[in-house]
C-alpha cells in the first residue's frame, strides 16, 4: 500500500529540515545525501522517492532557510519604530550568535559564494533568496523615496552578508565579535544618514 500524500509531504519536509542546517554549516559539497537522510531518521534509499537530485533538495533547503531568516529578522523589525526597522534588522543579522552559528543563519552568507559559481536549482534558489531579501528590505523603509529605499537595501544587504562572511573567517571569539560590533556601528550611521 503506498504512503498517503500527507505522509509523503511530512517526510519531504523532515528531509528539508535536516538538510537546511547541514548545508548552511558544511556547504553543498560537504553534505551527502546519506548524511541528510540519517539526520532525518530515514534510510538513504528513500531519498529518490522525494527528490530527483541533491541539487533539488538543496534548492528547497535554501528556500526554507531564507524563510526562517526573514521570520527572525521580521520579529526584530516589528519591535522597532518605523524609521528604525532597517537598523534593527541589521543589528540582529550582525549579531555574534549569527556569526558563530551558520547552521541557523542566513543562507546567502552561508552558501552564496559557493553557489554563485554553479548552475542549477540550488544556484537559482540562492539568487531568488537575494532578490526576495532585497525586496523585503526595501519595504522595511516605506517612508523613503523608492530610489533611496533601493540604495539602502542594497548597501545594507551587501554590508551584512560581507560582514558575516568576514567574521566567520576570523573565527569564533572576541576578534570576530569586535569586528561585528564595528560593522553594526558603521551600518547604524549609514542608515541614519540622509539620502542624496
C-alpha atoms as a PDB file:
ATOM      1  CA  UNK A   1       0.000   0.000   0.000  1.00  0.00           C
ATOM      2  CA  UNK A   2       1.516   3.372  -1.000  1.00  0.00           C
ATOM      3  CA  UNK A   3       2.040   6.141   1.542  1.00  0.00           C
ATOM      4  CA  UNK A   4      -0.588   8.885   1.755  1.00  0.00           C
ATOM      5  CA  UNK A   5       0.138  12.325   0.309  1.00  0.00           C
ATOM      6  CA  UNK A   6       0.219  13.800   3.807  1.00  0.00           C
ATOM      7  CA  UNK A   7       2.820  11.253   4.890  1.00  0.00           C
ATOM      8  CA  UNK A   8       4.962  11.940   1.807  1.00  0.00           C
ATOM      9  CA  UNK A   9       4.660  15.698   2.350  1.00  0.00           C
ATOM     10  CA  UNK A  10       5.631  15.351   6.027  1.00  0.00           C
ATOM     11  CA  UNK A  11       8.594  13.114   5.169  1.00  0.00           C
ATOM     12  CA  UNK A  12       9.781  15.528   2.488  1.00  0.00           C
ATOM     13  CA  UNK A  13       9.553  18.400   4.979  1.00  0.00           C
ATOM     14  CA  UNK A  14      11.551  16.354   7.502  1.00  0.00           C
ATOM     15  CA  UNK A  15      14.299  15.827   4.933  1.00  0.00           C
ATOM     16  CA  UNK A  16      14.382  19.555   4.119  1.00  0.00           C
ATOM     17  CA  UNK A  17      14.501  20.365   7.864  1.00  0.00           C
ATOM     18  CA  UNK A  18      17.522  18.065   8.239  1.00  0.00           C
ATOM     19  CA  UNK A  19      19.280  19.360   5.119  1.00  0.00           C
ATOM     20  CA  UNK A  20      18.863  23.074   5.779  1.00  0.00           C
ATOM     21  CA  UNK A  21      21.204  23.455   8.790  1.00  0.00           C
ATOM     22  CA  UNK A  22      23.643  20.862   7.435  1.00  0.00           C
ATOM     23  CA  UNK A  23      24.049  22.702   4.138  1.00  0.00           C
ATOM     24  CA  UNK A  24      24.453  26.078   5.849  1.00  0.00           C
ATOM     25  CA  UNK A  25      27.045  24.641   8.203  1.00  0.00           C
ATOM     26  CA  UNK A  26      29.118  22.497   5.825  1.00  0.00           C
ATOM     27  CA  UNK A  27      28.235  23.735   2.334  1.00  0.00           C
ATOM     28  CA  UNK A  28      26.785  21.864  -0.607  1.00  0.00           C
ATOM     29  CA  UNK A  29      29.984  19.912  -1.245  1.00  0.00           C
ATOM     30  CA  UNK A  30      30.331  18.988   2.435  1.00  0.00           C
ATOM     31  CA  UNK A  31      26.952  17.280   2.829  1.00  0.00           C
ATOM     32  CA  UNK A  32      25.961  13.992   1.254  1.00  0.00           C
ATOM     33  CA  UNK A  33      22.503  12.572   0.697  1.00  0.00           C
ATOM     34  CA  UNK A  34      23.273   9.758   3.163  1.00  0.00           C
ATOM     35  CA  UNK A  35      24.154  12.338   5.859  1.00  0.00           C
ATOM     36  CA  UNK A  36      20.877  14.172   5.372  1.00  0.00           C
ATOM     37  CA  UNK A  37      18.761  11.055   5.372  1.00  0.00           C
ATOM     38  CA  UNK A  38      20.456   9.771   8.520  1.00  0.00           C
ATOM     39  CA  UNK A  39      19.863  13.132  10.252  1.00  0.00           C
ATOM     40  CA  UNK A  40      16.197  12.895   9.208  1.00  0.00           C
ATOM     41  CA  UNK A  41      15.984   9.381  10.664  1.00  0.00           C
ATOM     42  CA  UNK A  42      15.426   7.794   7.259  1.00  0.00           C
ATOM     43  CA  UNK A  43      17.243   5.343   5.045  1.00  0.00           C
ATOM     44  CA  UNK A  44      19.413   6.548   2.180  1.00  0.00           C
ATOM     45  CA  UNK A  45      17.410   4.538  -0.344  1.00  0.00           C
ATOM     46  CA  UNK A  46      14.240   6.530   0.280  1.00  0.00           C
ATOM     47  CA  UNK A  47      15.738   9.809  -0.885  1.00  0.00           C
ATOM     48  CA  UNK A  48      14.778   9.489  -4.557  1.00  0.00           C
ATOM     49  CA  UNK A  49      11.145   8.860  -3.681  1.00  0.00           C
ATOM     50  CA  UNK A  50      11.100  12.522  -2.587  1.00  0.00           C
ATOM     51  CA  UNK A  51      13.741  14.359  -4.637  1.00  0.00           C
ATOM     52  CA  UNK A  52      15.150  13.998  -8.127  1.00  0.00           C
ATOM     53  CA  UNK A  53      18.624  15.124  -7.052  1.00  0.00           C
ATOM     54  CA  UNK A  54      20.682  16.557  -4.228  1.00  0.00           C
ATOM     55  CA  UNK A  55      20.523  19.908  -6.013  1.00  0.00           C
ATOM     56  CA  UNK A  56      16.704  19.832  -5.883  1.00  0.00           C
ATOM     57  CA  UNK A  57      16.886  19.179  -2.134  1.00  0.00           C
ATOM     58  CA  UNK A  58      19.417  21.999  -1.721  1.00  0.00           C
ATOM     59  CA  UNK A  59      17.063  24.358  -3.540  1.00  0.00           C
ATOM     60  CA  UNK A  60      14.229  23.605  -1.116  1.00  0.00           C
ATOM     61  CA  UNK A  61      16.562  23.768   1.874  1.00  0.00           C
ATOM     62  CA  UNK A  62      17.735  27.229   0.772  1.00  0.00           C
ATOM     63  CA  UNK A  63      14.129  28.416   0.393  1.00  0.00           C
ATOM     64  CA  UNK A  64      13.401  27.065   3.869  1.00  0.00           C
ATOM     65  CA  UNK A  65      16.470  28.768   5.363  1.00  0.00           C
ATOM     66  CA  UNK A  66      15.658  32.080   3.680  1.00  0.00           C
ATOM     67  CA  UNK A  67      12.121  31.996   5.098  1.00  0.00           C
ATOM     68  CA  UNK A  68      13.494  31.243   8.580  1.00  0.00           C
ATOM     69  CA  UNK A  69      15.913  34.160   8.325  1.00  0.00           C
ATOM     70  CA  UNK A  70      13.231  36.624   7.205  1.00  0.00           C
ATOM     71  CA  UNK A  71      10.931  35.468  10.015  1.00  0.00           C
ATOM     72  CA  UNK A  72      13.623  36.007  12.642  1.00  0.00           C
ATOM     73  CA  UNK A  73      14.540  39.414  11.236  1.00  0.00           C
ATOM     74  CA  UNK A  74      10.869  40.399  10.869  1.00  0.00           C
ATOM     75  CA  UNK A  75      10.432  39.855  14.595  1.00  0.00           C
ATOM     76  CA  UNK A  76      13.251  42.338  15.278  1.00  0.00           C
ATOM     77  CA  UNK A  77      11.803  44.838  12.787  1.00  0.00           C
ATOM     78  CA  UNK A  78       8.328  44.582  14.329  1.00  0.00           C
ATOM     79  CA  UNK A  79       9.702  45.811  17.670  1.00  0.00           C
ATOM     80  CA  UNK A  80      11.410  48.858  16.114  1.00  0.00           C
ATOM     81  CA  UNK A  81       9.918  52.257  15.268  1.00  0.00           C
ATOM     82  CA  UNK A  82       9.059  52.843  11.593  1.00  0.00           C
ATOM     83  CA  UNK A  83      12.283  54.763  10.915  1.00  0.00           C
ATOM     84  CA  UNK A  84      14.447  52.208  12.722  1.00  0.00           C
ATOM     85  CA  UNK A  85      13.394  48.934  11.121  1.00  0.00           C
ATOM     86  CA  UNK A  86      16.433  48.572   8.836  1.00  0.00           C
ATOM     87  CA  UNK A  87      18.764  49.281  11.750  1.00  0.00           C
ATOM     88  CA  UNK A  88      17.001  46.662  13.897  1.00  0.00           C
ATOM     89  CA  UNK A  89      17.301  44.139  11.070  1.00  0.00           C
ATOM     90  CA  UNK A  90      20.990  44.913  10.566  1.00  0.00           C
ATOM     91  CA  UNK A  91      21.803  44.696  14.268  1.00  0.00           C
ATOM     92  CA  UNK A  92      20.045  41.351  14.579  1.00  0.00           C
ATOM     93  CA  UNK A  93      21.701  39.993  11.439  1.00  0.00           C
ATOM     94  CA  UNK A  94      25.133  41.202  12.572  1.00  0.00           C
ATOM     95  CA  UNK A  95      24.926  39.501  15.950  1.00  0.00           C
ATOM     96  CA  UNK A  96      27.777  37.420  17.269  1.00  0.00           C
ATOM     97  CA  UNK A  97      25.359  34.482  17.551  1.00  0.00           C
ATOM     98  CA  UNK A  98      24.611  34.652  13.807  1.00  0.00           C
ATOM     99  CA  UNK A  99      28.316  34.795  13.032  1.00  0.00           C
ATOM    100  CA  UNK A 100      29.076  31.782  15.193  1.00  0.00           C
ATOM    101  CA  UNK A 101      26.156  29.623  14.055  1.00  0.00           C
ATOM    102  CA  UNK A 102      25.907  29.412  10.265  1.00  0.00           C
ATOM    103  CA  UNK A 103      23.706  26.329  10.592  1.00  0.00           C
ATOM    104  CA  UNK A 104      20.826  28.544  11.773  1.00  0.00           C
ATOM    105  CA  UNK A 105      21.736  31.684   9.847  1.00  0.00           C
ATOM    106  CA  UNK A 106      21.187  33.323   6.511  1.00  0.00           C
ATOM    107  CA  UNK A 107      21.745  31.012   3.532  1.00  0.00           C
ATOM    108  CA  UNK A 108      23.092  33.900   1.448  1.00  0.00           C
ATOM    109  CA  UNK A 109      26.035  34.364   3.820  1.00  0.00           C
ATOM    110  CA  UNK A 110      26.490  30.631   4.321  1.00  0.00           C
ATOM    111  CA  UNK A 111      26.185  29.436   0.725  1.00  0.00           C
ATOM    112  CA  UNK A 112      26.181  32.443  -1.597  1.00  0.00           C
ATOM    113  CA  UNK A 113      29.817  32.425  -2.652  1.00  0.00           C
ATOM    114  CA  UNK A 114      29.832  28.650  -3.170  1.00  0.00           C
ATOM    115  CA  UNK A 115      26.633  28.602  -5.220  1.00  0.00           C
ATOM    116  CA  UNK A 116      27.427  31.712  -7.267  1.00  0.00           C
ATOM    117  CA  UNK A 117      29.954  29.599  -9.184  1.00  0.00           C
ATOM    118  CA  UNK A 118      27.436  26.899 -10.053  1.00  0.00           C
ATOM    119  CA  UNK A 119      24.291  26.424 -12.055  1.00  0.00           C
ATOM    120  CA  UNK A 120      21.015  24.625 -11.484  1.00  0.00           C
ATOM    121  CA  UNK A 121      18.206  24.686  -8.932  1.00  0.00           C
ATOM    122  CA  UNK A 122      20.387  25.494  -5.891  1.00  0.00           C
ATOM    123  CA  UNK A 123      22.033  28.430  -7.670  1.00  0.00           C
ATOM    124  CA  UNK A 124      18.599  29.632  -8.786  1.00  0.00           C
ATOM    125  CA  UNK A 125      17.343  29.346  -5.199  1.00  0.00           C
ATOM    126  CA  UNK A 126      20.185  31.437  -3.774  1.00  0.00           C
ATOM    127  CA  UNK A 127      19.608  34.072  -6.474  1.00  0.00           C
ATOM    128  CA  UNK A 128      15.912  34.142  -5.596  1.00  0.00           C
ATOM    129  CA  UNK A 129      16.800  34.442  -1.907  1.00  0.00           C
ATOM    130  CA  UNK A 130      18.899  37.528  -2.686  1.00  0.00           C
ATOM    131  CA  UNK A 131      16.140  39.125  -4.783  1.00  0.00           C
ATOM    132  CA  UNK A 132      13.480  38.411  -2.150  1.00  0.00           C
ATOM    133  CA  UNK A 133      15.702  39.715   0.658  1.00  0.00           C
ATOM    134  CA  UNK A 134      16.371  42.943  -1.243  1.00  0.00           C
ATOM    135  CA  UNK A 135      12.661  43.470  -1.957  1.00  0.00           C
ATOM    136  CA  UNK A 136      11.803  42.772   1.676  1.00  0.00           C
ATOM    137  CA  UNK A 137      14.457  45.227   2.930  1.00  0.00           C
ATOM    138  CA  UNK A 138      13.123  47.908   0.560  1.00  0.00           C
ATOM    139  CA  UNK A 139       9.676  47.514   2.079  1.00  0.00           C
ATOM    140  CA  UNK A 140      11.049  47.999   5.594  1.00  0.00           C
ATOM    141  CA  UNK A 141      11.662  51.703   4.882  1.00  0.00           C
ATOM    142  CA  UNK A 142       8.305  52.738   3.383  1.00  0.00           C
ATOM    143  CA  UNK A 143       8.617  56.454   4.200  1.00  0.00           C
ATOM    144  CA  UNK A 144      11.560  56.994   1.882  1.00  0.00           C
ATOM    145  CA  UNK A 145      11.516  57.554  -1.881  1.00  0.00           C
ATOM    146  CA  UNK A 146      11.844  54.318  -3.858  1.00  0.00           C
ATOM    147  CA  UNK A 147      15.351  55.082  -5.146  1.00  0.00           C
ATOM    148  CA  UNK A 148      16.568  55.707  -1.597  1.00  0.00           C
ATOM    149  CA  UNK A 149      14.888  52.528  -0.325  1.00  0.00           C
ATOM    150  CA  UNK A 150      16.629  50.520  -3.049  1.00  0.00           C
ATOM    151  CA  UNK A 151      20.006  52.121  -2.286  1.00  0.00           C
ATOM    152  CA  UNK A 152      19.712  51.419   1.426  1.00  0.00           C
ATOM    153  CA  UNK A 153      18.525  47.848   0.878  1.00  0.00           C
ATOM    154  CA  UNK A 154      21.415  47.128  -1.498  1.00  0.00           C
ATOM    155  CA  UNK A 155      24.005  48.656   0.828  1.00  0.00           C
ATOM    156  CA  UNK A 156      22.595  47.004   3.933  1.00  0.00           C
ATOM    157  CA  UNK A 157      22.452  43.540   2.354  1.00  0.00           C
ATOM    158  CA  UNK A 158      25.968  43.762   0.934  1.00  0.00           C
ATOM    159  CA  UNK A 159      27.353  45.011   4.234  1.00  0.00           C
ATOM    160  CA  UNK A 160      25.518  42.411   6.318  1.00  0.00           C
ATOM    161  CA  UNK A 161      26.418  39.399   4.171  1.00  0.00           C
ATOM    162  CA  UNK A 162      30.009  40.561   3.732  1.00  0.00           C
ATOM    163  CA  UNK A 163      30.448  41.253   7.439  1.00  0.00           C
ATOM    164  CA  UNK A 164      29.164  37.832   8.498  1.00  0.00           C
ATOM    165  CA  UNK A 165      31.476  36.208   5.947  1.00  0.00           C
ATOM    166  CA  UNK A 166      34.492  38.143   7.258  1.00  0.00           C
ATOM    167  CA  UNK A 167      33.577  37.483  10.905  1.00  0.00           C
ATOM    168  CA  UNK A 168      33.391  33.763  10.198  1.00  0.00           C
ATOM    169  CA  UNK A 169      36.819  33.928   8.573  1.00  0.00           C
ATOM    170  CA  UNK A 170      38.144  35.489  11.794  1.00  0.00           C
ATOM    171  CA  UNK A 171      36.804  32.530  13.776  1.00  0.00           C
ATOM    172  CA  UNK A 172      34.775  32.366  16.941  1.00  0.00           C
ATOM    173  CA  UNK A 173      35.807  34.684  19.701  1.00  0.00           C
ATOM    174  CA  UNK A 174      36.403  38.262  20.668  1.00  0.00           C
ATOM    175  CA  UNK A 175      38.091  39.354  17.438  1.00  0.00           C
ATOM    176  CA  UNK A 176      35.062  38.385  15.335  1.00  0.00           C
ATOM    177  CA  UNK A 177      32.683  39.833  17.930  1.00  0.00           C
ATOM    178  CA  UNK A 178      34.519  43.168  17.953  1.00  0.00           C
ATOM    179  CA  UNK A 179      34.555  43.240  14.155  1.00  0.00           C
ATOM    180  CA  UNK A 180      30.772  42.737  14.024  1.00  0.00           C
ATOM    181  CA  UNK A 181      30.339  45.464  16.636  1.00  0.00           C
ATOM    182  CA  UNK A 182      32.305  47.886  14.425  1.00  0.00           C
ATOM    183  CA  UNK A 183      30.190  46.988  11.383  1.00  0.00           C
ATOM    184  CA  UNK A 184      26.959  47.460  13.371  1.00  0.00           C
ATOM    185  CA  UNK A 185      28.112  50.966  14.325  1.00  0.00           C
ATOM    186  CA  UNK A 186      29.049  51.722  10.717  1.00  0.00           C
ATOM    187  CA  UNK A 187      25.750  50.496   9.324  1.00  0.00           C
ATOM    188  CA  UNK A 188      23.713  52.266  12.017  1.00  0.00           C
ATOM    189  CA  UNK A 189      25.341  55.561  10.977  1.00  0.00           C
ATOM    190  CA  UNK A 190      24.984  54.819   7.257  1.00  0.00           C
ATOM    191  CA  UNK A 191      21.290  54.009   7.557  1.00  0.00           C
ATOM    192  CA  UNK A 192      20.600  57.071   9.710  1.00  0.00           C
ATOM    193  CA  UNK A 193      22.252  59.420   7.174  1.00  0.00           C
ATOM    194  CA  UNK A 194      20.016  61.391   4.853  1.00  0.00           C
ATOM    195  CA  UNK A 195      20.000  60.163   1.242  1.00  0.00           C
ATOM    196  CA  UNK A 196      21.390  62.339  -1.538  1.00  0.00           C
END
